Amino acid sequence: MFGGFAPTPEDGFDPATGCVLLVGNAGPDMWRCFAADRPTGPDPLDRWTADRVSAAARRFGAGTRFPFDGPPFPPIQAWAR
């Protein structure tokens, strides 16, 4: 996890959203896991990431948004700031 924030209406989340957490990769471990379980077909990294992160989010009753969800594309870079 890289950080989080309390969204405002301008961020495009449901008003009931209490917190947004930003997750990402910062080293070789994710790539090793991806290489061991790489799906075939188009956009394998996007699909692999969505499967893993969505499964974790469901365990906590949370939702997900990804930079490849669009359009409209979520403003991931603005949220990271």
C-alpha atoms as a PDB file:
ATOM      1  CA  MET A   1       0.000   0.000   0.000  1.00  0.00           C
ATOM      2  CA  PHE A   2       1.358   3.400  -1.013  1.00  0.00           C
ATOM      3  CA  GLY A   3      -1.105   5.624   0.817  1.00  0.00           C
ATOM      4  CA  GLY A   4      -4.699   6.642   1.190  1.00  0.00           C
ATOM      5  CA  PHE A   5      -7.061   9.576   1.415  1.00  0.00           C
ATOM      6  CA  ALA A   6     -10.615  10.549   2.310  1.00  0.00           C
ATOM      7  CA  PRO A   7     -12.282  11.290  -1.040  1.00  0.00           C
ATOM      8  CA  THR A   8     -14.189  14.444  -1.823  1.00  0.00           C
ATOM      9  CA  PRO A   9     -17.139  14.559  -4.270  1.00  0.00           C
ATOM     10  CA  GLU A  10     -14.735  15.762  -6.986  1.00  0.00           C
ATOM     11  CA  ASP A  11     -12.826  12.468  -6.745  1.00  0.00           C
ATOM     12  CA  GLY A  12     -15.773  10.612  -8.271  1.00  0.00           C
ATOM     13  CA  PHE A  13     -16.525   8.163  -5.481  1.00  0.00           C
ATOM     14  CA  ASP A  14     -19.866   7.311  -3.934  1.00  0.00           C
ATOM     15  CA  PRO A  15     -20.465   9.753  -1.046  1.00  0.00           C
ATOM     16  CA  ALA A  16     -20.521   6.800   1.372  1.00  0.00           C
ATOM     17  CA  THR A  17     -16.885   5.950   0.553  1.00  0.00           C
ATOM     18  CA  GLY A  18     -14.905   6.521   3.716  1.00  0.00           C
ATOM     19  CA  CYS A  19     -11.351   5.892   2.552  1.00  0.00           C
ATOM     20  CA  VAL A  20      -9.424   5.200  -0.644  1.00  0.00           C
ATOM     21  CA  LEU A  21      -6.243   3.116  -0.421  1.00  0.00           C
ATOM     22  CA  LEU A  22      -3.656   3.187  -3.215  1.00  0.00           C
ATOM     23  CA  VAL A  23      -1.733  -0.020  -3.851  1.00  0.00           C
ATOM     24  CA  GLY A  24       1.086  -0.712  -6.253  1.00  0.00           C
ATOM     25  CA  ASN A  25       4.345  -2.506  -6.924  1.00  0.00           C
ATOM     26  CA  ALA A  26       7.704  -1.411  -5.596  1.00  0.00           C
ATOM     27  CA  GLY A  27      10.010  -4.337  -6.207  1.00  0.00           C
ATOM     28  CA  PRO A  28      10.650  -7.725  -7.798  1.00  0.00           C
ATOM     29  CA  ASP A  29       8.275  -9.823  -5.655  1.00  0.00           C
ATOM     30  CA  MET A  30       5.150  -8.958  -7.635  1.00  0.00           C
ATOM     31  CA  TRP A  31       6.911  -9.760 -10.915  1.00  0.00           C
ATOM     32  CA  ARG A  32       7.973 -13.181  -9.603  1.00  0.00           C
ATOM     33  CA  CYS A  33       4.365 -13.962  -8.601  1.00  0.00           C
ATOM     34  CA  PHE A  34       3.058 -12.699 -11.948  1.00  0.00           C
ATOM     35  CA  ALA A  35       5.602 -14.748 -13.930  1.00  0.00           C
ATOM     36  CA  ALA A  36       4.648 -17.907 -12.005  1.00  0.00           C
ATOM     37  CA  ASP A  37       0.918 -17.472 -12.684  1.00  0.00           C
ATOM     38  CA  ARG A  38       0.770 -15.370 -15.854  1.00  0.00           C
ATOM     39  CA  PRO A  39      -2.564 -15.657 -17.683  1.00  0.00           C
ATOM     40  CA  THR A  40      -2.646 -16.053 -21.443  1.00  0.00           C
ATOM     41  CA  GLY A  41      -4.450 -13.708 -23.797  1.00  0.00           C
ATOM     42  CA  PRO A  42      -4.671  -9.934 -24.021  1.00  0.00           C
ATOM     43  CA  ASP A  43      -3.619  -7.626 -21.173  1.00  0.00           C
ATOM     44  CA  PRO A  44      -2.254 -10.362 -18.887  1.00  0.00           C
ATOM     45  CA  LEU A  45      -0.823  -7.982 -16.289  1.00  0.00           C
ATOM     46  CA  ASP A  46      -4.051  -5.977 -16.043  1.00  0.00           C
ATOM     47  CA  ARG A  47      -6.142  -9.129 -15.660  1.00  0.00           C
ATOM     48  CA  TRP A  48      -3.750 -10.724 -13.144  1.00  0.00           C
ATOM     49  CA  THR A  49      -3.637  -7.515 -11.067  1.00  0.00           C
ATOM     50  CA  ALA A  50      -7.425  -7.106 -11.128  1.00  0.00           C
ATOM     51  CA  ASP A  51      -7.932 -10.726 -10.030  1.00  0.00           C
ATOM     52  CA  ARG A  52      -5.518 -10.470  -7.098  1.00  0.00           C
ATOM     53  CA  VAL A  53      -6.467  -7.008  -5.846  1.00  0.00           C
ATOM     54  CA  SER A  54     -10.211  -7.599  -6.272  1.00  0.00           C
ATOM     55  CA  ALA A  55     -10.002 -10.846  -4.289  1.00  0.00           C
ATOM     56  CA  ALA A  56      -8.235  -9.043  -1.440  1.00  0.00           C
ATOM     57  CA  ALA A  57     -10.754  -6.187  -1.523  1.00  0.00           C
ATOM     58  CA  ARG A  58     -13.711  -8.612  -1.347  1.00  0.00           C
ATOM     59  CA  ARG A  59     -12.266 -10.125   1.838  1.00  0.00           C
ATOM     60  CA  PHE A  60     -12.704  -6.711   3.478  1.00  0.00           C
ATOM     61  CA  GLY A  61     -15.983  -5.742   1.837  1.00  0.00           C
ATOM     62  CA  ALA A  62     -14.228  -3.119  -0.279  1.00  0.00           C
ATOM     63  CA  GLY A  63     -14.489  -2.119  -3.930  1.00  0.00           C
ATOM     64  CA  THR A  64     -11.783  -1.520  -6.505  1.00  0.00           C
ATOM     65  CA  ARG A  65     -10.864   0.900  -9.282  1.00  0.00           C
ATOM     66  CA  PHE A  66      -7.977   0.430 -11.657  1.00  0.00           C
ATOM     67  CA  PRO A  67      -6.224   2.805 -14.077  1.00  0.00           C
ATOM     68  CA  PHE A  68      -7.299   0.435 -16.879  1.00  0.00           C
ATOM     69  CA  ASP A  69     -11.017   0.523 -15.909  1.00  0.00           C
ATOM     70  CA  GLY A  70     -11.967   3.480 -18.127  1.00  0.00           C
ATOM     71  CA  PRO A  71     -13.226   5.323 -19.882  1.00  0.00           C
ATOM     72  CA  PRO A  72     -13.785   7.422 -17.984  1.00  0.00           C
ATOM     73  CA  PHE A  73     -10.401   6.704 -16.511  1.00  0.00           C
ATOM     74  CA  PRO A  74      -9.918   7.283 -12.797  1.00  0.00           C
ATOM     75  CA  PRO A  75      -7.489  10.132 -12.004  1.00  0.00           C
ATOM     76  CA  ILE A  76      -4.943   7.834 -10.340  1.00  0.00           C
ATOM     77  CA  GLN A  77      -2.079  10.352 -10.584  1.00  0.00           C
ATOM     78  CA  ALA A  78      -4.126  13.100  -8.929  1.00  0.00           C
ATOM     79  CA  TRP A  79      -5.194  10.713  -6.164  1.00  0.00           C
ATOM     80  CA  ALA A  80      -1.556   9.733  -5.587  1.00  0.00           C
ATOM     81  CA  ARG A  81      -0.648  13.387  -5.032  1.00  0.00           C
END
